[in-house]
Amino acid sequence: MQALSGVSFDVPAGSVFGVLGPNGSGKTTLLGIVTDVLKADTGSFTLFDKAPSAAERRQIGTLLETPNFYHYLSAYKNLEISAAIKQRGKDDIARVLEICGLTQRQHSAFKTYSLGMKQRLAIAAVLLGDPDVLILDEPTNGLDPSGIAEVRELVRKLADSGKTIILASHLLDEVEKVCTHVAILRSGQLLLSGPVHTVISRNDFVELSAADNTQLQAAMLRYPGCTGAEIQGNIVRAFFAESPDAAAINSYCAQQGIWLSYLQLRKKSLETAFLEITNIAAS
């Protein structure tokens, strides 16, 4: 069985690059190959525009699974152990604790931490040595809503500091909210990649109604920027390449002698947008 086939994309420096796909799509396999945890039979990749070597990999901080911290030791003591394993100096511990918002609780036992705090400590361990690139595999997996919010905010903070972050996730919402770029995998194959706002397009649409919806549909098809209009029941749905202006649409319809009884801006659901992506790519 082939885990990955024909997967090729570039990760821009300073981006938050999401690798999106359902469980079993090949995300962890891809990251495992890049971090030298797994060996690929064929194919190649570069790190920092160079052939991968130990020197390049030392510039990468990796979280492929939650580290096995000692539950009875404090955050500081656990990071001391992580620093020793990674051959990093202990002088970096205070910095990463501050970045991850754990300075006040650095001497508390790991077992007293919330799920979000535990994951932030895991990211703190990844930050030891100040790597240029961070690879995070499902960093919010298993967290409650509070923990998810904490980790997302930390990822945004790290991105604002100039880090390049590669983040694997099966959550559409997470990728849209946090990432600047995305590659979508399914069954080991790359469907699409590029900036999030172009790959996961969620164009607005407008729902309208008037006494004569057939006339309204025809008028909307002539409206500048309208890419399509269809009648669904007693509603006309008009689609746009860019966000429409409800007031301008209302004024336009009045000029056409059409008086609207209903006008509502809507946004395509994230799930619908993703299904459209996968169906188009598969066809």
C-alpha atoms as a PDB file:
ATOM      1  CA  MET A   1       0.000   0.000   0.000  1.00  0.00           C
ATOM      2  CA  GLN A   2       1.334   3.431  -0.998  1.00  0.00           C
ATOM      3  CA  ALA A   3       1.076   6.032   1.771  1.00  0.00           C
ATOM      4  CA  LEU A   4       1.868   9.104  -0.360  1.00  0.00           C
ATOM      5  CA  SER A   5       1.848   9.638  -4.114  1.00  0.00           C
ATOM      6  CA  GLY A   6       2.755  12.744  -6.095  1.00  0.00           C
ATOM      7  CA  VAL A   7       2.650  15.126  -3.137  1.00  0.00           C
ATOM      8  CA  SER A   8       4.546  18.312  -4.014  1.00  0.00           C
ATOM      9  CA  PHE A   9       4.313  21.849  -2.625  1.00  0.00           C
ATOM     10  CA  ASP A  10       6.442  24.712  -1.281  1.00  0.00           C
ATOM     11  CA  VAL A  11       6.158  26.172   2.223  1.00  0.00           C
ATOM     12  CA  PRO A  12       6.817  29.948   2.119  1.00  0.00           C
ATOM     13  CA  ALA A  13       9.080  31.315   4.848  1.00  0.00           C
ATOM     14  CA  GLY A  14       7.096  32.991   7.620  1.00  0.00           C
ATOM     15  CA  SER A  15       3.852  31.231   6.723  1.00  0.00           C
ATOM     16  CA  VAL A  16       1.555  29.101   8.838  1.00  0.00           C
ATOM     17  CA  PHE A  17       1.168  26.195   6.453  1.00  0.00           C
ATOM     18  CA  GLY A  18      -1.686  23.806   7.162  1.00  0.00           C
ATOM     19  CA  VAL A  19      -1.573  20.200   5.989  1.00  0.00           C
ATOM     20  CA  LEU A  20      -5.274  19.379   5.942  1.00  0.00           C
ATOM     21  CA  GLY A  21      -6.914  16.011   5.523  1.00  0.00           C
ATOM     22  CA  PRO A  22      -8.969  13.360   7.289  1.00  0.00           C
ATOM     23  CA  ASN A  23      -7.372  10.710   9.473  1.00  0.00           C
ATOM     24  CA  GLY A  24      -5.438   8.318   7.256  1.00  0.00           C
ATOM     25  CA  SER A  25      -4.834  10.870   4.502  1.00  0.00           C
ATOM     26  CA  GLY A  26      -1.047  10.791   4.944  1.00  0.00           C
ATOM     27  CA  LYS A  27      -0.433  13.925   7.037  1.00  0.00           C
ATOM     28  CA  THR A  28       1.617  12.283   9.796  1.00  0.00           C
ATOM     29  CA  THR A  29       3.480  10.121   7.264  1.00  0.00           C
ATOM     30  CA  LEU A  30       4.460  13.255   5.333  1.00  0.00           C
ATOM     31  CA  LEU A  31       5.716  15.022   8.456  1.00  0.00           C
ATOM     32  CA  GLY A  32       7.497  11.872   9.604  1.00  0.00           C
ATOM     33  CA  ILE A  33       9.460  11.760   6.341  1.00  0.00           C
ATOM     34  CA  VAL A  34      10.412  15.435   6.588  1.00  0.00           C
ATOM     35  CA  THR A  35      11.623  14.999  10.175  1.00  0.00           C
ATOM     36  CA  ASP A  36      13.514  11.765   9.368  1.00  0.00           C
ATOM     37  CA  VAL A  37      11.303   9.622  11.586  1.00  0.00           C
ATOM     38  CA  LEU A  38      10.239   7.671   8.486  1.00  0.00           C
ATOM     39  CA  LYS A  39      12.174   6.802   5.343  1.00  0.00           C
ATOM     40  CA  ALA A  40      10.520   7.272   1.950  1.00  0.00           C
ATOM     41  CA  ASP A  41      11.076   4.673  -0.772  1.00  0.00           C
ATOM     42  CA  THR A  42      11.154   7.344  -3.478  1.00  0.00           C
ATOM     43  CA  GLY A  43      10.895  11.094  -3.825  1.00  0.00           C
ATOM     44  CA  SER A  44      12.870  13.985  -2.369  1.00  0.00           C
ATOM     45  CA  PHE A  45      12.482  17.259  -0.517  1.00  0.00           C
ATOM     46  CA  THR A  46      14.593  20.208   0.583  1.00  0.00           C
ATOM     47  CA  LEU A  47      14.895  22.050   3.884  1.00  0.00           C
ATOM     48  CA  PHE A  48      15.783  25.743   3.653  1.00  0.00           C
ATOM     49  CA  ASP A  49      16.460  25.165  -0.071  1.00  0.00           C
ATOM     50  CA  LYS A  50      19.116  22.575   0.769  1.00  0.00           C
ATOM     51  CA  ALA A  51      19.301  18.794   0.787  1.00  0.00           C
ATOM     52  CA  PRO A  52      18.116  17.664   4.247  1.00  0.00           C
ATOM     53  CA  SER A  53      20.873  17.046   6.771  1.00  0.00           C
ATOM     54  CA  ALA A  54      21.309  17.025  10.529  1.00  0.00           C
ATOM     55  CA  ALA A  55      22.290  20.717  10.422  1.00  0.00           C
ATOM     56  CA  GLU A  56      19.028  21.706   8.717  1.00  0.00           C
ATOM     57  CA  ARG A  57      16.934  19.514  10.998  1.00  0.00           C
ATOM     58  CA  ARG A  58      18.417  21.229  14.053  1.00  0.00           C
ATOM     59  CA  GLN A  59      16.663  24.382  12.856  1.00  0.00           C
ATOM     60  CA  ILE A  60      13.299  22.601  13.130  1.00  0.00           C
ATOM     61  CA  GLY A  61      11.262  22.076  16.289  1.00  0.00           C
ATOM     62  CA  THR A  62       8.927  19.108  16.057  1.00  0.00           C
ATOM     63  CA  LEU A  63       5.806  18.008  17.902  1.00  0.00           C
ATOM     64  CA  LEU A  64       4.592  14.808  16.262  1.00  0.00           C
ATOM     65  CA  GLU A  65       2.980  13.475  19.422  1.00  0.00           C
ATOM     66  CA  THR A  66       2.515  14.728  22.969  1.00  0.00           C
ATOM     67  CA  PRO A  67       5.817  14.264  24.861  1.00  0.00           C
ATOM     68  CA  ASN A  68       5.822  11.923  27.835  1.00  0.00           C
ATOM     69  CA  PHE A  69       6.406  14.438  30.599  1.00  0.00           C
ATOM     70  CA  TYR A  70       6.863  13.243  34.170  1.00  0.00           C
ATOM     71  CA  HIS A  71       3.564  13.912  35.939  1.00  0.00           C
ATOM     72  CA  TYR A  72       5.084  14.482  39.383  1.00  0.00           C
ATOM     73  CA  LEU A  73       7.776  16.924  38.169  1.00  0.00           C
ATOM     74  CA  SER A  74       7.260  20.627  37.583  1.00  0.00           C
ATOM     75  CA  ALA A  75       7.151  22.220  34.145  1.00  0.00           C
ATOM     76  CA  TYR A  76      10.626  23.636  34.723  1.00  0.00           C
ATOM     77  CA  LYS A  77      12.105  20.272  35.706  1.00  0.00           C
ATOM     78  CA  ASN A  78      10.477  18.574  32.723  1.00  0.00           C
ATOM     79  CA  LEU A  79      11.950  21.180  30.392  1.00  0.00           C
ATOM     80  CA  GLU A  80      15.361  20.638  31.972  1.00  0.00           C
ATOM     81  CA  ILE A  81      15.099  16.986  30.915  1.00  0.00           C
ATOM     82  CA  SER A  82      13.914  17.968  27.425  1.00  0.00           C
ATOM     83  CA  ALA A  83      16.804  20.412  27.084  1.00  0.00           C
ATOM     84  CA  ALA A  84      19.307  17.746  28.094  1.00  0.00           C
ATOM     85  CA  ILE A  85      17.869  15.247  25.574  1.00  0.00           C
ATOM     86  CA  LYS A  86      17.971  17.866  22.804  1.00  0.00           C
ATOM     87  CA  GLN A  87      21.425  19.039  23.888  1.00  0.00           C
ATOM     88  CA  ARG A  88      20.071  22.530  24.465  1.00  0.00           C
ATOM     89  CA  GLY A  89      21.172  24.831  27.261  1.00  0.00           C
ATOM     90  CA  LYS A  90      18.990  25.286  30.341  1.00  0.00           C
ATOM     91  CA  ASP A  91      19.321  29.048  29.911  1.00  0.00           C
ATOM     92  CA  ASP A  92      16.558  28.918  27.259  1.00  0.00           C
ATOM     93  CA  ILE A  93      13.901  27.489  29.594  1.00  0.00           C
ATOM     94  CA  ALA A  94      12.772  30.799  31.087  1.00  0.00           C
ATOM     95  CA  ARG A  95      12.287  32.262  27.599  1.00  0.00           C
ATOM     96  CA  VAL A  96      10.081  29.451  26.290  1.00  0.00           C
ATOM     97  CA  LEU A  97       8.016  29.353  29.487  1.00  0.00           C
ATOM     98  CA  GLU A  98       7.316  33.071  29.092  1.00  0.00           C
ATOM     99  CA  ILE A  99       6.348  32.683  25.416  1.00  0.00           C
ATOM    100  CA  CYS A 100       3.917  29.886  26.286  1.00  0.00           C
ATOM    101  CA  GLY A 101       2.385  31.754  29.228  1.00  0.00           C
ATOM    102  CA  LEU A 102       3.571  29.277  31.853  1.00  0.00           C
ATOM    103  CA  THR A 103       6.017  31.362  33.885  1.00  0.00           C
ATOM    104  CA  GLN A 104       3.616  31.728  36.821  1.00  0.00           C
ATOM    105  CA  ARG A 105       3.042  27.969  36.962  1.00  0.00           C
ATOM    106  CA  GLN A 106       6.561  26.791  36.092  1.00  0.00           C
ATOM    107  CA  HIS A 107       7.100  25.156  39.478  1.00  0.00           C
ATOM    108  CA  SER A 108       3.706  23.399  39.595  1.00  0.00           C
ATOM    109  CA  ALA A 109       3.572  19.651  38.999  1.00  0.00           C
ATOM    110  CA  PHE A 110       2.681  18.681  35.447  1.00  0.00           C
ATOM    111  CA  LYS A 111      -0.248  16.610  36.723  1.00  0.00           C
ATOM    112  CA  THR A 112      -1.936  19.795  37.997  1.00  0.00           C
ATOM    113  CA  TYR A 113      -1.999  21.353  34.524  1.00  0.00           C
ATOM    114  CA  SER A 114      -5.099  21.687  32.369  1.00  0.00           C
ATOM    115  CA  LEU A 115      -5.098  20.008  28.945  1.00  0.00           C
ATOM    116  CA  GLY A 116      -4.354  23.315  27.262  1.00  0.00           C
ATOM    117  CA  MET A 117      -1.452  24.028  29.621  1.00  0.00           C
ATOM    118  CA  LYS A 118      -0.011  20.563  29.000  1.00  0.00           C
ATOM    119  CA  GLN A 119      -0.062  21.162  25.262  1.00  0.00           C
ATOM    120  CA  ARG A 120       1.478  24.609  25.695  1.00  0.00           C
ATOM    121  CA  LEU A 121       4.273  22.977  27.709  1.00  0.00           C
ATOM    122  CA  ALA A 122       4.772  20.517  24.847  1.00  0.00           C
ATOM    123  CA  ILE A 123       5.139  23.461  22.474  1.00  0.00           C
ATOM    124  CA  ALA A 124       7.545  25.106  24.934  1.00  0.00           C
ATOM    125  CA  ALA A 125       9.732  21.999  24.675  1.00  0.00           C
ATOM    126  CA  VAL A 126       9.617  22.328  20.868  1.00  0.00           C
ATOM    127  CA  LEU A 127      10.782  25.959  21.156  1.00  0.00           C
ATOM    128  CA  LEU A 128      13.959  25.097  23.086  1.00  0.00           C
ATOM    129  CA  GLY A 129      16.941  26.282  21.078  1.00  0.00           C
ATOM    130  CA  ASP A 130      14.798  28.811  19.150  1.00  0.00           C
ATOM    131  CA  PRO A 131      14.255  26.804  15.921  1.00  0.00           C
ATOM    132  CA  ASP A 132      13.308  28.715  12.754  1.00  0.00           C
ATOM    133  CA  VAL A 133      10.616  26.224  11.730  1.00  0.00           C
ATOM    134  CA  LEU A 134       8.011  24.480  13.876  1.00  0.00           C
ATOM    135  CA  ILE A 135       6.215  21.283  12.835  1.00  0.00           C
ATOM    136  CA  LEU A 136       3.064  20.630  14.856  1.00  0.00           C
ATOM    137  CA  ASP A 137       0.992  17.509  14.226  1.00  0.00           C
ATOM    138  CA  GLU A 138      -2.639  17.986  15.354  1.00  0.00           C
ATOM    139  CA  PRO A 139      -1.691  20.412  18.170  1.00  0.00           C
ATOM    140  CA  THR A 140      -5.293  20.863  19.365  1.00  0.00           C
ATOM    141  CA  ASN A 141      -6.290  17.196  19.148  1.00  0.00           C
ATOM    142  CA  GLY A 142      -8.167  16.027  22.254  1.00  0.00           C
ATOM    143  CA  LEU A 143      -8.382  19.476  23.829  1.00  0.00           C
ATOM    144  CA  ASP A 144     -11.515  21.085  25.206  1.00  0.00           C
ATOM    145  CA  PRO A 145     -12.695  24.419  23.701  1.00  0.00           C
ATOM    146  CA  SER A 146     -10.660  26.416  26.221  1.00  0.00           C
ATOM    147  CA  GLY A 147      -7.508  24.433  25.447  1.00  0.00           C
ATOM    148  CA  ILE A 148      -8.076  24.775  21.698  1.00  0.00           C
ATOM    149  CA  ALA A 149      -8.354  28.556  22.058  1.00  0.00           C
ATOM    150  CA  GLU A 150      -5.148  28.674  24.142  1.00  0.00           C
ATOM    151  CA  VAL A 151      -3.112  26.698  21.611  1.00  0.00           C
ATOM    152  CA  ARG A 152      -4.495  28.596  18.607  1.00  0.00           C
ATOM    153  CA  GLU A 153      -3.587  31.897  20.246  1.00  0.00           C
ATOM    154  CA  LEU A 154      -0.070  30.602  20.918  1.00  0.00           C
ATOM    155  CA  VAL A 155       0.330  29.505  17.290  1.00  0.00           C
ATOM    156  CA  ARG A 156      -0.747  32.975  16.118  1.00  0.00           C
ATOM    157  CA  LYS A 157       1.728  34.552  18.549  1.00  0.00           C
ATOM    158  CA  LEU A 158       4.567  32.390  17.252  1.00  0.00           C
ATOM    159  CA  ALA A 159       3.629  33.195  13.657  1.00  0.00           C
ATOM    160  CA  ASP A 160       3.666  36.927  14.455  1.00  0.00           C
ATOM    161  CA  SER A 161       7.195  36.501  15.823  1.00  0.00           C
ATOM    162  CA  GLY A 162       8.351  35.334  12.378  1.00  0.00           C
ATOM    163  CA  LYS A 163       8.383  31.565  12.818  1.00  0.00           C
ATOM    164  CA  THR A 164       7.480  29.330   9.891  1.00  0.00           C
ATOM    165  CA  ILE A 165       4.911  26.833  11.152  1.00  0.00           C
ATOM    166  CA  ILE A 166       3.765  23.617   9.478  1.00  0.00           C
ATOM    167  CA  LEU A 167       0.568  22.472  11.149  1.00  0.00           C
ATOM    168  CA  ALA A 168      -1.191  19.209  10.357  1.00  0.00           C
ATOM    169  CA  SER A 169      -4.898  19.066  11.135  1.00  0.00           C
ATOM    170  CA  HIS A 170      -8.139  17.352  10.169  1.00  0.00           C
ATOM    171  CA  LEU A 171     -10.123  20.375  11.392  1.00  0.00           C
ATOM    172  CA  LEU A 172     -11.300  22.744   8.664  1.00  0.00           C
ATOM    173  CA  ASP A 173     -12.076  25.454  11.185  1.00  0.00           C
ATOM    174  CA  GLU A 174      -8.580  25.332  12.670  1.00  0.00           C
ATOM    175  CA  VAL A 175      -6.876  25.677   9.297  1.00  0.00           C
ATOM    176  CA  GLU A 176      -9.090  28.560   8.203  1.00  0.00           C
ATOM    177  CA  LYS A 177      -8.610  30.475  11.473  1.00  0.00           C
ATOM    178  CA  VAL A 178      -4.873  29.948  11.966  1.00  0.00           C
ATOM    179  CA  CYS A 179      -3.166  29.160   8.655  1.00  0.00           C
ATOM    180  CA  THR A 180      -2.042  31.420   5.815  1.00  0.00           C
ATOM    181  CA  HIS A 181      -1.463  28.546   3.355  1.00  0.00           C
ATOM    182  CA  VAL A 182      -2.816  25.022   3.040  1.00  0.00           C
ATOM    183  CA  ALA A 183      -2.221  21.720   1.271  1.00  0.00           C
ATOM    184  CA  ILE A 184      -5.191  19.359   1.174  1.00  0.00           C
ATOM    185  CA  LEU A 185      -4.458  15.619   1.205  1.00  0.00           C
ATOM    186  CA  ARG A 186      -6.798  12.712   0.628  1.00  0.00           C
ATOM    187  CA  SER A 187      -5.761   9.052   0.530  1.00  0.00           C
ATOM    188  CA  GLY A 188      -2.095  10.036   0.233  1.00  0.00           C
ATOM    189  CA  GLN A 189      -2.604  12.360  -2.718  1.00  0.00           C
ATOM    190  CA  LEU A 190      -2.405  16.133  -2.935  1.00  0.00           C
ATOM    191  CA  LEU A 191      -5.695  17.682  -4.038  1.00  0.00           C
ATOM    192  CA  LEU A 192      -4.853  21.391  -3.874  1.00  0.00           C
ATOM    193  CA  SER A 193      -2.348  23.754  -2.269  1.00  0.00           C
ATOM    194  CA  GLY A 194      -1.906  27.493  -1.985  1.00  0.00           C
ATOM    195  CA  PRO A 195      -3.082  30.459   0.116  1.00  0.00           C
ATOM    196  CA  VAL A 196      -5.996  29.553   2.386  1.00  0.00           C
ATOM    197  CA  HIS A 197      -8.287  32.288   1.086  1.00  0.00           C
ATOM    198  CA  THR A 198      -7.978  31.004  -2.482  1.00  0.00           C
ATOM    199  CA  VAL A 199      -7.938  27.249  -1.810  1.00  0.00           C
ATOM    200  CA  ILE A 200     -10.799  27.263   0.705  1.00  0.00           C
ATOM    201  CA  SER A 201     -12.983  29.806  -1.048  1.00  0.00           C
ATOM    202  CA  ARG A 202     -16.121  30.772   0.868  1.00  0.00           C
ATOM    203  CA  ASN A 203     -17.703  33.368  -1.366  1.00  0.00           C
ATOM    204  CA  ASP A 204     -20.693  35.189   0.020  1.00  0.00           C
ATOM    205  CA  PHE A 205     -24.119  34.855  -1.526  1.00  0.00           C
ATOM    206  CA  VAL A 206     -27.356  36.767  -1.154  1.00  0.00           C
ATOM    207  CA  GLU A 207     -30.866  35.451  -0.650  1.00  0.00           C
ATOM    208  CA  LEU A 208     -33.566  37.667  -2.149  1.00  0.00           C
ATOM    209  CA  SER A 209     -37.272  37.561  -2.815  1.00  0.00           C
ATOM    210  CA  ALA A 210     -39.719  39.701  -4.770  1.00  0.00           C
ATOM    211  CA  ALA A 211     -43.199  39.436  -6.292  1.00  0.00           C
ATOM    212  CA  ASP A 212     -41.685  38.033  -9.499  1.00  0.00           C
ATOM    213  CA  ASN A 213     -38.631  35.905  -8.692  1.00  0.00           C
ATOM    214  CA  THR A 214     -38.065  34.996 -12.350  1.00  0.00           C
ATOM    215  CA  GLN A 215     -37.675  38.683 -13.165  1.00  0.00           C
ATOM    216  CA  LEU A 216     -35.476  39.085 -10.072  1.00  0.00           C
ATOM    217  CA  GLN A 217     -33.234  36.193 -11.135  1.00  0.00           C
ATOM    218  CA  ALA A 218     -32.772  37.699 -14.600  1.00  0.00           C
ATOM    219  CA  ALA A 219     -31.937  41.091 -13.089  1.00  0.00           C
ATOM    220  CA  MET A 220     -29.347  39.618 -10.704  1.00  0.00           C
ATOM    221  CA  LEU A 221     -27.639  37.775 -13.550  1.00  0.00           C
ATOM    222  CA  ARG A 222     -27.011  41.220 -15.075  1.00  0.00           C
ATOM    223  CA  TYR A 223     -25.704  42.666 -11.796  1.00  0.00           C
ATOM    224  CA  PRO A 224     -21.928  43.476 -11.863  1.00  0.00           C
ATOM    225  CA  GLY A 225     -19.943  40.849  -9.954  1.00  0.00           C
ATOM    226  CA  CYS A 226     -22.780  38.319  -9.809  1.00  0.00           C
ATOM    227  CA  THR A 227     -21.464  34.927 -10.931  1.00  0.00           C
ATOM    228  CA  GLY A 228     -24.791  33.112 -10.872  1.00  0.00           C
ATOM    229  CA  ALA A 229     -28.381  33.212  -9.660  1.00  0.00           C
ATOM    230  CA  GLU A 230     -30.856  30.407  -9.060  1.00  0.00           C
ATOM    231  CA  ILE A 231     -34.396  30.076  -7.786  1.00  0.00           C
ATOM    232  CA  GLN A 232     -34.853  27.778  -4.776  1.00  0.00           C
ATOM    233  CA  GLY A 233     -38.468  27.636  -3.636  1.00  0.00           C
ATOM    234  CA  ASN A 234     -39.604  31.195  -3.034  1.00  0.00           C
ATOM    235  CA  ILE A 235     -36.018  32.502  -2.733  1.00  0.00           C
ATOM    236  CA  VAL A 236     -33.481  33.678  -5.312  1.00  0.00           C
ATOM    237  CA  ARG A 237     -29.855  32.909  -4.430  1.00  0.00           C
ATOM    238  CA  ALA A 238     -27.284  35.159  -6.101  1.00  0.00           C
ATOM    239  CA  PHE A 239     -23.576  34.293  -5.926  1.00  0.00           C
ATOM    240  CA  PHE A 240     -20.623  36.672  -6.078  1.00  0.00           C
ATOM    241  CA  ALA A 241     -16.872  36.523  -6.668  1.00  0.00           C
ATOM    242  CA  GLU A 242     -16.388  39.163  -3.961  1.00  0.00           C
ATOM    243  CA  SER A 243     -18.393  40.210  -0.914  1.00  0.00           C
ATOM    244  CA  PRO A 244     -21.582  41.916  -2.134  1.00  0.00           C
ATOM    245  CA  ASP A 245     -23.024  45.186  -0.851  1.00  0.00           C
ATOM    246  CA  ALA A 246     -26.608  44.603   0.310  1.00  0.00           C
ATOM    247  CA  ALA A 247     -27.553  48.297   0.094  1.00  0.00           C
ATOM    248  CA  ALA A 248     -26.226  48.546  -3.465  1.00  0.00           C
ATOM    249  CA  ILE A 249     -28.175  45.432  -4.484  1.00  0.00           C
ATOM    250  CA  ASN A 250     -31.379  46.826  -2.989  1.00  0.00           C
ATOM    251  CA  SER A 251     -30.869  50.113  -4.838  1.00  0.00           C
ATOM    252  CA  TYR A 252     -30.112  48.304  -8.099  1.00  0.00           C
ATOM    253  CA  CYS A 253     -33.274  46.215  -7.854  1.00  0.00           C
ATOM    254  CA  ALA A 254     -35.364  49.327  -7.197  1.00  0.00           C
ATOM    255  CA  GLN A 255     -33.890  50.937 -10.314  1.00  0.00           C
ATOM    256  CA  GLN A 256     -35.030  47.850 -12.238  1.00  0.00           C
ATOM    257  CA  GLY A 257     -38.536  48.311 -10.887  1.00  0.00           C
ATOM    258  CA  ILE A 258     -38.178  45.317  -8.556  1.00  0.00           C
ATOM    259  CA  TRP A 259     -39.142  45.830  -4.914  1.00  0.00           C
ATOM    260  CA  LEU A 260     -37.537  43.328  -2.591  1.00  0.00           C
ATOM    261  CA  SER A 261     -39.567  41.711   0.172  1.00  0.00           C
ATOM    262  CA  TYR A 262     -36.534  39.860   1.523  1.00  0.00           C
ATOM    263  CA  LEU A 263     -32.749  40.408   1.384  1.00  0.00           C
ATOM    264  CA  GLN A 264     -30.189  38.501   3.465  1.00  0.00           C
ATOM    265  CA  LEU A 265     -26.417  38.135   3.141  1.00  0.00           C
ATOM    266  CA  ARG A 266     -25.181  34.572   3.626  1.00  0.00           C
ATOM    267  CA  LYS A 267     -21.827  32.763   3.632  1.00  0.00           C
ATOM    268  CA  LYS A 268     -21.147  29.310   2.248  1.00  0.00           C
ATOM    269  CA  SER A 269     -20.466  26.860   5.075  1.00  0.00           C
ATOM    270  CA  LEU A 270     -16.905  25.682   5.528  1.00  0.00           C
ATOM    271  CA  GLU A 271     -18.021  22.077   5.079  1.00  0.00           C
ATOM    272  CA  THR A 272     -19.722  22.902   1.767  1.00  0.00           C
ATOM    273  CA  ALA A 273     -16.599  24.686   0.536  1.00  0.00           C
ATOM    274  CA  PHE A 274     -14.433  21.690   1.468  1.00  0.00           C
ATOM    275  CA  LEU A 275     -16.771  19.196  -0.197  1.00  0.00           C
ATOM    276  CA  GLU A 276     -16.679  21.299  -3.341  1.00  0.00           C
ATOM    277  CA  ILE A 277     -12.874  21.258  -3.247  1.00  0.00           C
ATOM    278  CA  THR A 278     -12.662  17.487  -2.890  1.00  0.00           C
ATOM    279  CA  ASN A 279     -15.328  16.824  -5.521  1.00  0.00           C
ATOM    280  CA  ILE A 280     -13.738  19.178  -8.050  1.00  0.00           C
ATOM    281  CA  ALA A 281     -10.272  17.789  -7.416  1.00  0.00           C
ATOM    282  CA  ALA A 282     -11.506  14.211  -7.717  1.00  0.00           C
ATOM    283  CA  SER A 283     -13.375  14.812 -10.982  1.00  0.00           C
END
